[in-house]
Amino acid sequence: MEFIDHHRRRWLALGGVALGAAMLPGQAFATLSTPRPRILTLANLNTGEYLKTEFFDGRRYNKDELSRLNHFFRDYRANKTKTIDPALFDQLYRLQVMLGTNKPVQLISGYRSVDTNNEMRSHSRGVAKQSYHTKGQAMDFHIEGVQLTNIRKAALKLKAGGVGYYPKSNFVHIDTGPTRSW
């Protein structure tokens, strides 16, 4: 049997690859797929603002949308804005994908100026002196309709930075610092 149907073999191999990829966990499969836009829908609980933004178009970050997010995450108490680490938005997007939700993220705290952070520290021992909030690398939030424990579990699975769990205050903290949890 000297005749080999290379065309058929190619289709069979492609089918095997597709079947193998379909059996991968959802997150791993998503990593293998082509890049796609990243969209966030947020509500700022302190200012009443609402924002839906495509901050990444599948190939690059959209600078105008990142500016809108920086403003949205501003220290509303001092009316100061800082450049937020785009990895924080990526982390939040990946969390929503893992949780299977596109419900609005309820932002409680994003960027905090050093003065605001110090003021908050004087009233609460739960505020870090060198907070990642002051670096534009952290946020406190919950997601409408998603149990806080599920948000925490998903954030821990990401291993993408710090994860703080505050059930009494109804929020989860994530940041882009070293991987750790409390």
N, C-alpha and C. Protein backbone atom coordinates (compact mmCIF):
# COMPACT_ATOMS: atom_id res chain seq x y z
N MET A 1 0.85 -1.18 0.00
CA MET A 1 0.00 0.00 0.00
C MET A 1 0.90 1.24 0.00
N GLU A 2 1.23 1.69 -1.20
CA GLU A 2 2.14 2.80 -1.34
C GLU A 2 1.43 4.15 -1.35
N PHE A 3 0.15 4.17 -1.63
CA PHE A 3 -0.59 5.43 -1.73
C PHE A 3 -1.00 5.91 -0.33
N ILE A 4 -0.58 7.11 0.04
CA ILE A 4 -0.94 7.70 1.33
C ILE A 4 -1.74 8.96 1.04
N ASP A 5 -2.92 9.01 1.59
CA ASP A 5 -3.78 10.19 1.40
C ASP A 5 -3.40 11.24 2.44
N HIS A 6 -2.46 12.14 2.08
CA HIS A 6 -2.00 13.17 3.00
C HIS A 6 -3.11 14.15 3.37
N HIS A 7 -3.99 14.40 2.43
CA HIS A 7 -5.10 15.31 2.70
C HIS A 7 -5.98 14.77 3.83
N ARG A 8 -6.30 13.48 3.76
CA ARG A 8 -7.13 12.85 4.80
C ARG A 8 -6.40 12.83 6.14
N ARG A 9 -5.10 12.53 6.11
CA ARG A 9 -4.31 12.51 7.35
C ARG A 9 -4.29 13.88 8.01
N ARG A 10 -4.18 14.90 7.19
CA ARG A 10 -4.16 16.26 7.73
C ARG A 10 -5.49 16.56 8.44
N TRP A 11 -6.60 16.19 7.83
CA TRP A 11 -7.91 16.42 8.45
C TRP A 11 -8.07 15.61 9.74
N LEU A 12 -7.58 14.37 9.72
CA LEU A 12 -7.66 13.55 10.93
C LEU A 12 -6.81 14.15 12.06
N ALA A 13 -5.62 14.63 11.72
CA ALA A 13 -4.76 15.25 12.72
C ALA A 13 -5.40 16.51 13.28
N LEU A 14 -5.96 17.31 12.39
CA LEU A 14 -6.63 18.55 12.82
C LEU A 14 -7.82 18.23 13.73
N GLY A 15 -8.56 17.18 13.41
CA GLY A 15 -9.67 16.76 14.25
C GLY A 15 -9.19 16.32 15.63
N GLY A 16 -8.06 15.61 15.67
CA GLY A 16 -7.49 15.19 16.95
C GLY A 16 -7.06 16.36 17.80
N VAL A 17 -6.46 17.36 17.16
CA VAL A 17 -6.05 18.56 17.89
C VAL A 17 -7.28 19.27 18.44
N ALA A 18 -8.31 19.41 17.62
CA ALA A 18 -9.54 20.09 18.06
C ALA A 18 -10.18 19.34 19.22
N LEU A 19 -10.22 18.02 19.14
CA LEU A 19 -10.80 17.22 20.22
C LEU A 19 -9.98 17.37 21.50
N GLY A 20 -8.66 17.31 21.38
CA GLY A 20 -7.79 17.49 22.55
C GLY A 20 -7.95 18.86 23.17
N ALA A 21 -8.04 19.89 22.35
CA ALA A 21 -8.20 21.26 22.87
C ALA A 21 -9.55 21.41 23.56
N ALA A 22 -10.58 20.76 23.04
CA ALA A 22 -11.91 20.86 23.65
C ALA A 22 -11.94 20.21 25.03
N MET A 23 -11.04 19.28 25.28
CA MET A 23 -11.01 18.58 26.56
C MET A 23 -10.20 19.34 27.60
N LEU A 24 -9.49 20.40 27.19
CA LEU A 24 -8.73 21.20 28.15
C LEU A 24 -9.67 22.00 29.04
N PRO A 25 -9.23 22.36 30.24
CA PRO A 25 -10.05 23.24 31.07
C PRO A 25 -10.33 24.55 30.34
N GLY A 26 -11.46 25.16 30.65
CA GLY A 26 -11.89 26.38 29.96
C GLY A 26 -10.84 27.46 29.93
N GLN A 27 -10.16 27.68 31.03
CA GLN A 27 -9.17 28.76 31.10
C GLN A 27 -7.99 28.46 30.19
N ALA A 28 -7.53 27.20 30.18
CA ALA A 28 -6.41 26.83 29.32
C ALA A 28 -6.82 26.96 27.86
N PHE A 29 -8.03 26.54 27.53
CA PHE A 29 -8.52 26.65 26.16
C PHE A 29 -8.59 28.10 25.73
N ALA A 30 -9.05 28.97 26.62
CA ALA A 30 -9.13 30.39 26.29
C ALA A 30 -7.75 30.97 26.02
N THR A 31 -6.75 30.49 26.72
CA THR A 31 -5.39 30.96 26.52
C THR A 31 -4.88 30.57 25.14
N LEU A 32 -5.32 29.42 24.64
CA LEU A 32 -4.88 28.95 23.33
C LEU A 32 -5.62 29.62 22.19
N SER A 33 -6.79 30.15 22.45
CA SER A 33 -7.59 30.74 21.38
C SER A 33 -7.02 32.08 20.95
N THR A 34 -7.56 32.59 19.86
CA THR A 34 -7.07 33.86 19.35
C THR A 34 -7.43 34.98 20.32
N PRO A 35 -6.59 36.00 20.38
CA PRO A 35 -6.88 37.12 21.28
C PRO A 35 -8.22 37.76 20.94
N ARG A 36 -8.90 38.20 21.96
CA ARG A 36 -10.20 38.84 21.75
C ARG A 36 -10.31 40.09 22.61
N PRO A 37 -11.24 40.94 22.27
CA PRO A 37 -11.42 42.17 23.06
C PRO A 37 -11.75 41.85 24.51
N ARG A 38 -11.32 42.73 25.41
CA ARG A 38 -11.62 42.60 26.83
C ARG A 38 -12.50 43.78 27.22
N ILE A 39 -13.66 43.44 27.73
CA ILE A 39 -14.66 44.45 28.08
C ILE A 39 -14.97 44.34 29.56
N LEU A 40 -15.04 45.48 30.22
CA LEU A 40 -15.44 45.54 31.63
C LEU A 40 -16.65 46.43 31.76
N THR A 41 -17.54 46.04 32.65
CA THR A 41 -18.68 46.86 33.03
C THR A 41 -18.56 47.09 34.53
N LEU A 42 -18.52 48.38 34.92
CA LEU A 42 -18.27 48.73 36.32
C LEU A 42 -19.26 49.76 36.83
N ALA A 43 -19.48 49.72 38.12
CA ALA A 43 -20.26 50.74 38.81
C ALA A 43 -19.42 51.20 40.00
N ASN A 44 -19.25 52.51 40.15
CA ASN A 44 -18.51 53.06 41.27
C ASN A 44 -19.52 53.37 42.38
N LEU A 45 -19.45 52.62 43.47
CA LEU A 45 -20.44 52.77 44.54
C LEU A 45 -20.34 54.10 45.27
N ASN A 46 -19.19 54.77 45.19
CA ASN A 46 -19.01 56.04 45.90
C ASN A 46 -19.45 57.25 45.09
N THR A 47 -19.30 57.17 43.78
CA THR A 47 -19.63 58.33 42.94
C THR A 47 -20.91 58.16 42.15
N GLY A 48 -21.42 56.92 42.08
CA GLY A 48 -22.62 56.66 41.30
C GLY A 48 -22.34 56.53 39.80
N GLU A 49 -21.08 56.59 39.42
CA GLU A 49 -20.74 56.49 38.00
C GLU A 49 -20.83 55.04 37.51
N TYR A 50 -21.07 54.90 36.23
CA TYR A 50 -21.19 53.61 35.57
C TYR A 50 -20.31 53.67 34.33
N LEU A 51 -19.59 52.59 34.03
CA LEU A 51 -18.69 52.59 32.88
C LEU A 51 -18.68 51.22 32.23
N LYS A 52 -18.84 51.21 30.91
CA LYS A 52 -18.64 50.00 30.12
C LYS A 52 -17.54 50.34 29.14
N THR A 53 -16.47 49.54 29.13
CA THR A 53 -15.31 49.88 28.34
C THR A 53 -14.64 48.66 27.73
N GLU A 54 -14.21 48.80 26.48
CA GLU A 54 -13.37 47.80 25.81
C GLU A 54 -11.95 48.34 25.91
N PHE A 55 -11.25 47.93 26.96
CA PHE A 55 -9.92 48.49 27.25
C PHE A 55 -8.79 47.80 26.48
N PHE A 56 -9.09 46.65 25.89
CA PHE A 56 -8.12 45.90 25.10
C PHE A 56 -8.85 45.38 23.88
N ASP A 57 -8.31 45.65 22.68
CA ASP A 57 -9.04 45.31 21.46
C ASP A 57 -8.70 43.94 20.88
N GLY A 58 -7.92 43.16 21.60
CA GLY A 58 -7.51 41.85 21.11
C GLY A 58 -6.04 41.82 20.72
N ARG A 59 -5.48 43.01 20.49
CA ARG A 59 -4.06 43.11 20.14
C ARG A 59 -3.31 44.10 21.01
N ARG A 60 -4.00 45.16 21.42
CA ARG A 60 -3.32 46.19 22.22
C ARG A 60 -4.33 46.91 23.11
N TYR A 61 -3.77 47.58 24.13
CA TYR A 61 -4.60 48.37 25.03
C TYR A 61 -5.07 49.63 24.32
N ASN A 62 -6.29 50.04 24.62
CA ASN A 62 -6.85 51.27 24.08
C ASN A 62 -6.53 52.39 25.07
N LYS A 63 -5.63 53.30 24.69
CA LYS A 63 -5.17 54.35 25.60
C LYS A 63 -6.31 55.25 26.08
N ASP A 64 -7.26 55.57 25.21
CA ASP A 64 -8.38 56.41 25.62
C ASP A 64 -9.24 55.72 26.68
N GLU A 65 -9.45 54.42 26.50
CA GLU A 65 -10.26 53.67 27.46
C GLU A 65 -9.51 53.48 28.78
N LEU A 66 -8.20 53.31 28.71
CA LEU A 66 -7.41 53.23 29.94
C LEU A 66 -7.50 54.55 30.70
N SER A 67 -7.50 55.67 29.99
CA SER A 67 -7.66 56.98 30.64
C SER A 67 -9.02 57.08 31.32
N ARG A 68 -10.06 56.58 30.66
CA ARG A 68 -11.39 56.59 31.28
C ARG A 68 -11.40 55.73 32.54
N LEU A 69 -10.72 54.57 32.48
CA LEU A 69 -10.64 53.71 33.66
C LEU A 69 -9.84 54.37 34.78
N ASN A 70 -8.75 55.04 34.43
CA ASN A 70 -7.96 55.76 35.44
C ASN A 70 -8.83 56.78 36.17
N HIS A 71 -9.65 57.51 35.41
CA HIS A 71 -10.54 58.50 36.02
C HIS A 71 -11.59 57.81 36.90
N PHE A 72 -12.13 56.71 36.41
CA PHE A 72 -13.14 55.96 37.14
C PHE A 72 -12.60 55.44 38.47
N PHE A 73 -11.33 55.02 38.48
CA PHE A 73 -10.68 54.45 39.66
C PHE A 73 -10.05 55.53 40.55
N ARG A 74 -10.26 56.80 40.23
CA ARG A 74 -9.61 57.90 40.94
C ARG A 74 -9.94 57.91 42.43
N ASP A 75 -9.12 58.62 43.18
CA ASP A 75 -9.40 58.89 44.59
C ASP A 75 -10.46 59.99 44.60
N TYR A 76 -11.70 59.61 44.76
CA TYR A 76 -12.80 60.57 44.70
C TYR A 76 -12.78 61.53 45.88
N ARG A 77 -12.18 61.12 46.99
CA ARG A 77 -12.12 62.00 48.17
C ARG A 77 -11.22 63.21 47.91
N ALA A 78 -10.07 62.96 47.28
CA ALA A 78 -9.11 64.02 46.99
C ALA A 78 -9.19 64.50 45.54
N ASN A 79 -10.06 63.85 44.76
CA ASN A 79 -10.20 64.12 43.33
C ASN A 79 -8.84 64.06 42.62
N LYS A 80 -8.10 62.97 42.90
CA LYS A 80 -6.79 62.76 42.28
C LYS A 80 -6.83 61.47 41.45
N THR A 81 -6.18 61.55 40.31
CA THR A 81 -6.13 60.41 39.39
C THR A 81 -4.71 59.92 39.27
N LYS A 82 -4.55 58.63 39.10
CA LYS A 82 -3.24 58.02 38.90
C LYS A 82 -3.39 56.96 37.81
N THR A 83 -2.31 56.70 37.11
CA THR A 83 -2.33 55.63 36.11
C THR A 83 -2.46 54.29 36.84
N ILE A 84 -3.49 53.56 36.51
CA ILE A 84 -3.74 52.25 37.11
C ILE A 84 -3.01 51.20 36.28
N ASP A 85 -2.41 50.24 36.95
CA ASP A 85 -1.72 49.15 36.28
C ASP A 85 -2.72 48.39 35.41
N PRO A 86 -2.53 48.35 34.08
CA PRO A 86 -3.47 47.63 33.21
C PRO A 86 -3.60 46.15 33.58
N ALA A 87 -2.59 45.58 34.22
CA ALA A 87 -2.68 44.18 34.65
C ALA A 87 -3.82 43.98 35.65
N LEU A 88 -4.18 45.03 36.37
CA LEU A 88 -5.31 44.93 37.30
C LEU A 88 -6.62 44.74 36.52
N PHE A 89 -6.76 45.46 35.41
CA PHE A 89 -7.95 45.31 34.57
C PHE A 89 -7.98 43.93 33.92
N ASP A 90 -6.81 43.45 33.50
CA ASP A 90 -6.71 42.09 32.93
C ASP A 90 -7.13 41.06 33.97
N GLN A 91 -6.64 41.24 35.19
CA GLN A 91 -6.96 40.32 36.29
C GLN A 91 -8.47 40.31 36.54
N LEU A 92 -9.08 41.48 36.56
CA LEU A 92 -10.51 41.58 36.79
C LEU A 92 -11.29 40.93 35.64
N TYR A 93 -10.84 41.16 34.42
CA TYR A 93 -11.49 40.54 33.26
C TYR A 93 -11.41 39.02 33.35
N ARG A 94 -10.22 38.49 33.68
CA ARG A 94 -10.05 37.04 33.80
C ARG A 94 -10.93 36.47 34.91
N LEU A 95 -11.10 37.22 35.99
CA LEU A 95 -11.99 36.79 37.07
C LEU A 95 -13.42 36.65 36.56
N GLN A 96 -13.87 37.64 35.82
CA GLN A 96 -15.24 37.59 35.31
C GLN A 96 -15.43 36.40 34.37
N VAL A 97 -14.42 36.11 33.54
CA VAL A 97 -14.50 34.96 32.65
C VAL A 97 -14.58 33.67 33.46
N MET A 98 -13.71 33.54 34.47
CA MET A 98 -13.72 32.35 35.31
C MET A 98 -15.05 32.16 36.03
N LEU A 99 -15.65 33.28 36.45
CA LEU A 99 -16.91 33.23 37.19
C LEU A 99 -18.12 33.13 36.27
N GLY A 100 -17.89 33.30 34.98
CA GLY A 100 -18.97 33.20 34.00
C GLY A 100 -20.00 34.30 34.14
N THR A 101 -19.55 35.51 34.43
CA THR A 101 -20.48 36.62 34.60
C THR A 101 -20.01 37.86 33.84
N ASN A 102 -20.98 38.63 33.40
CA ASN A 102 -20.67 39.95 32.85
C ASN A 102 -21.47 41.02 33.61
N LYS A 103 -21.88 40.65 34.82
CA LYS A 103 -22.58 41.59 35.70
C LYS A 103 -21.62 42.71 36.09
N PRO A 104 -22.15 43.88 36.40
CA PRO A 104 -21.26 45.00 36.76
C PRO A 104 -20.42 44.71 38.00
N VAL A 105 -19.15 45.10 37.90
CA VAL A 105 -18.24 45.04 39.03
C VAL A 105 -18.52 46.28 39.87
N GLN A 106 -18.78 46.08 41.16
CA GLN A 106 -19.09 47.18 42.07
C GLN A 106 -17.80 47.64 42.73
N LEU A 107 -17.21 48.73 42.22
CA LEU A 107 -15.96 49.25 42.75
C LEU A 107 -16.20 49.99 44.06
N ILE A 108 -15.49 49.58 45.08
CA ILE A 108 -15.58 50.24 46.38
C ILE A 108 -14.38 51.16 46.57
N SER A 109 -13.21 50.68 46.18
CA SER A 109 -12.00 51.50 46.31
C SER A 109 -11.00 51.13 45.24
N GLY A 110 -10.49 52.12 44.55
CA GLY A 110 -9.44 51.93 43.55
C GLY A 110 -8.19 52.64 44.04
N TYR A 111 -7.77 53.65 43.29
CA TYR A 111 -6.61 54.43 43.69
C TYR A 111 -6.94 55.25 44.94
N ARG A 112 -5.96 55.33 45.84
CA ARG A 112 -6.06 56.22 47.00
C ARG A 112 -4.76 57.00 47.10
N SER A 113 -4.88 58.30 47.24
CA SER A 113 -3.68 59.11 47.46
C SER A 113 -3.10 58.73 48.82
N VAL A 114 -1.84 59.08 49.04
CA VAL A 114 -1.19 58.78 50.31
C VAL A 114 -1.94 59.47 51.45
N ASP A 115 -2.38 60.71 51.24
CA ASP A 115 -3.13 61.43 52.28
C ASP A 115 -4.43 60.71 52.62
N THR A 116 -5.16 60.29 51.59
CA THR A 116 -6.42 59.56 51.83
C THR A 116 -6.14 58.25 52.56
N ASN A 117 -5.10 57.55 52.12
CA ASN A 117 -4.76 56.28 52.75
C ASN A 117 -4.41 56.48 54.23
N ASN A 118 -3.63 57.53 54.51
CA ASN A 118 -3.26 57.82 55.91
C ASN A 118 -4.49 58.17 56.75
N GLU A 119 -5.39 58.92 56.17
CA GLU A 119 -6.64 59.26 56.87
C GLU A 119 -7.44 58.00 57.18
N MET A 120 -7.53 57.12 56.21
CA MET A 120 -8.26 55.86 56.42
C MET A 120 -7.56 54.99 57.46
N ARG A 121 -6.24 54.99 57.47
CA ARG A 121 -5.47 54.22 58.45
C ARG A 121 -5.73 54.71 59.87
N SER A 122 -5.97 56.02 60.02
CA SER A 122 -6.20 56.56 61.36
C SER A 122 -7.53 56.08 61.94
N HIS A 123 -8.42 55.56 61.08
CA HIS A 123 -9.74 55.09 61.54
C HIS A 123 -9.89 53.57 61.48
N SER A 124 -8.92 52.88 60.85
CA SER A 124 -9.05 51.43 60.69
C SER A 124 -7.68 50.78 60.67
N ARG A 125 -7.55 49.70 61.41
CA ARG A 125 -6.27 49.00 61.42
C ARG A 125 -6.14 48.07 60.21
N GLY A 126 -7.18 47.96 59.39
CA GLY A 126 -7.15 47.10 58.21
C GLY A 126 -6.58 47.77 56.98
N VAL A 127 -6.10 49.01 57.09
CA VAL A 127 -5.55 49.73 55.95
C VAL A 127 -4.02 49.71 56.04
N ALA A 128 -3.38 49.16 55.02
CA ALA A 128 -1.92 49.01 55.02
C ALA A 128 -1.22 50.36 54.83
N LYS A 129 -0.10 50.52 55.51
CA LYS A 129 0.68 51.75 55.38
C LYS A 129 1.22 51.91 53.96
N GLN A 130 1.76 50.84 53.40
CA GLN A 130 2.29 50.85 52.03
C GLN A 130 1.29 50.17 51.09
N SER A 131 0.07 50.63 51.09
CA SER A 131 -1.01 50.01 50.33
C SER A 131 -0.77 50.06 48.82
N TYR A 132 -1.10 48.97 48.16
CA TYR A 132 -1.03 48.94 46.70
C TYR A 132 -2.06 49.88 46.08
N HIS A 133 -3.05 50.28 46.84
CA HIS A 133 -4.01 51.28 46.36
C HIS A 133 -3.29 52.59 46.01
N THR A 134 -2.28 52.95 46.81
CA THR A 134 -1.57 54.21 46.59
C THR A 134 -0.65 54.14 45.37
N LYS A 135 -0.42 52.94 44.86
CA LYS A 135 0.44 52.74 43.69
C LYS A 135 -0.37 52.55 42.41
N GLY A 136 -1.70 52.55 42.54
CA GLY A 136 -2.54 52.30 41.37
C GLY A 136 -2.52 50.84 40.96
N GLN A 137 -2.37 49.96 41.94
CA GLN A 137 -2.25 48.53 41.66
C GLN A 137 -3.27 47.68 42.43
N ALA A 138 -4.32 48.29 42.98
CA ALA A 138 -5.25 47.52 43.81
C ALA A 138 -6.67 48.03 43.67
N MET A 139 -7.59 47.16 44.01
CA MET A 139 -9.00 47.54 44.06
C MET A 139 -9.73 46.67 45.07
N ASP A 140 -10.79 47.24 45.65
CA ASP A 140 -11.72 46.52 46.52
C ASP A 140 -13.06 46.52 45.79
N PHE A 141 -13.73 45.37 45.75
CA PHE A 141 -14.94 45.27 44.94
C PHE A 141 -15.76 44.04 45.32
N HIS A 142 -16.95 44.00 44.77
CA HIS A 142 -17.74 42.78 44.71
C HIS A 142 -18.45 42.82 43.36
N ILE A 143 -19.05 41.70 42.99
CA ILE A 143 -19.73 41.62 41.70
C ILE A 143 -21.19 41.29 41.95
N GLU A 144 -22.03 42.10 41.38
CA GLU A 144 -23.48 41.93 41.52
C GLU A 144 -23.88 40.49 41.20
N GLY A 145 -24.58 39.86 42.15
CA GLY A 145 -25.11 38.52 41.93
C GLY A 145 -24.12 37.38 42.07
N VAL A 146 -22.88 37.66 42.48
CA VAL A 146 -21.87 36.59 42.63
C VAL A 146 -21.46 36.54 44.10
N GLN A 147 -21.50 35.34 44.69
CA GLN A 147 -21.13 35.20 46.09
C GLN A 147 -19.68 35.59 46.31
N LEU A 148 -19.45 36.32 47.37
CA LEU A 148 -18.11 36.80 47.70
C LEU A 148 -17.10 35.65 47.82
N THR A 149 -17.54 34.53 48.38
CA THR A 149 -16.63 33.38 48.51
C THR A 149 -16.19 32.86 47.14
N ASN A 150 -17.08 32.91 46.17
CA ASN A 150 -16.72 32.46 44.82
C ASN A 150 -15.72 33.41 44.15
N ILE A 151 -15.89 34.70 44.41
CA ILE A 151 -14.93 35.69 43.87
C ILE A 151 -13.56 35.43 44.47
N ARG A 152 -13.52 35.21 45.77
CA ARG A 152 -12.26 34.94 46.47
C ARG A 152 -11.59 33.69 45.91
N LYS A 153 -12.34 32.61 45.77
CA LYS A 153 -11.78 31.35 45.26
C LYS A 153 -11.20 31.54 43.86
N ALA A 154 -11.93 32.22 43.01
CA ALA A 154 -11.46 32.45 41.64
C ALA A 154 -10.20 33.31 41.65
N ALA A 155 -10.16 34.35 42.48
CA ALA A 155 -8.99 35.22 42.55
C ALA A 155 -7.77 34.45 43.04
N LEU A 156 -7.97 33.56 44.00
CA LEU A 156 -6.85 32.75 44.49
C LEU A 156 -6.33 31.81 43.40
N LYS A 157 -7.22 31.27 42.59
CA LYS A 157 -6.81 30.37 41.50
C LYS A 157 -5.97 31.09 40.46
N LEU A 158 -6.22 32.37 40.27
CA LEU A 158 -5.45 33.14 39.29
C LEU A 158 -3.98 33.24 39.66
N LYS A 159 -3.69 33.29 40.95
CA LYS A 159 -2.31 33.47 41.44
C LYS A 159 -1.64 34.65 40.72
N ALA A 160 -2.36 35.76 40.69
CA ALA A 160 -1.90 36.93 39.93
C ALA A 160 -1.55 38.11 40.81
N GLY A 161 -1.53 37.94 42.12
CA GLY A 161 -1.23 39.05 43.03
C GLY A 161 -1.87 38.80 44.38
N GLY A 162 -2.08 39.87 45.12
CA GLY A 162 -2.67 39.75 46.44
C GLY A 162 -4.18 39.58 46.38
N VAL A 163 -4.70 38.79 47.33
CA VAL A 163 -6.14 38.58 47.46
C VAL A 163 -6.51 38.73 48.93
N GLY A 164 -7.32 39.72 49.23
CA GLY A 164 -7.82 39.93 50.58
C GLY A 164 -9.31 39.65 50.62
N TYR A 165 -9.76 39.03 51.69
CA TYR A 165 -11.16 38.64 51.81
C TYR A 165 -11.76 39.33 53.02
N TYR A 166 -12.79 40.16 52.78
CA TYR A 166 -13.42 40.96 53.83
C TYR A 166 -14.93 40.73 53.81
N PRO A 167 -15.39 39.56 54.28
CA PRO A 167 -16.82 39.25 54.22
C PRO A 167 -17.69 40.20 55.06
N LYS A 168 -17.18 40.69 56.19
CA LYS A 168 -17.98 41.60 57.02
C LYS A 168 -18.21 42.94 56.32
N SER A 169 -17.25 43.34 55.49
CA SER A 169 -17.39 44.59 54.75
C SER A 169 -17.89 44.36 53.32
N ASN A 170 -18.13 43.10 52.96
CA ASN A 170 -18.68 42.70 51.67
C ASN A 170 -17.80 43.10 50.48
N PHE A 171 -16.50 42.80 50.56
CA PHE A 171 -15.65 43.02 49.38
C PHE A 171 -14.45 42.08 49.38
N VAL A 172 -13.90 41.96 48.19
CA VAL A 172 -12.64 41.25 47.98
C VAL A 172 -11.65 42.29 47.48
N HIS A 173 -10.42 42.18 47.95
CA HIS A 173 -9.33 43.05 47.50
C HIS A 173 -8.47 42.23 46.55
N ILE A 174 -8.11 42.81 45.39
CA ILE A 174 -7.10 42.19 44.54
C ILE A 174 -6.07 43.26 44.21
N ASP A 175 -4.84 42.80 43.98
CA ASP A 175 -3.79 43.72 43.56
C ASP A 175 -2.82 43.00 42.65
N THR A 176 -1.91 43.76 42.05
CA THR A 176 -0.94 43.20 41.12
C THR A 176 0.44 43.04 41.76
N GLY A 177 0.48 43.05 43.07
CA GLY A 177 1.72 42.82 43.79
C GLY A 177 2.06 41.34 43.82
N PRO A 178 2.95 40.94 44.72
CA PRO A 178 3.32 39.53 44.86
C PRO A 178 2.11 38.68 45.23
N THR A 179 2.13 37.41 44.85
CA THR A 179 1.05 36.49 45.16
C THR A 179 1.03 36.20 46.66
N ARG A 180 -0.10 36.51 47.30
CA ARG A 180 -0.28 36.28 48.73
C ARG A 180 -1.77 36.41 49.02
N SER A 181 -2.19 36.00 50.21
CA SER A 181 -3.60 36.12 50.56
C SER A 181 -3.76 36.33 52.07
N TRP A 182 -4.89 36.89 52.42
CA TRP A 182 -5.24 37.13 53.83
C TRP A 182 -6.74 37.16 53.96
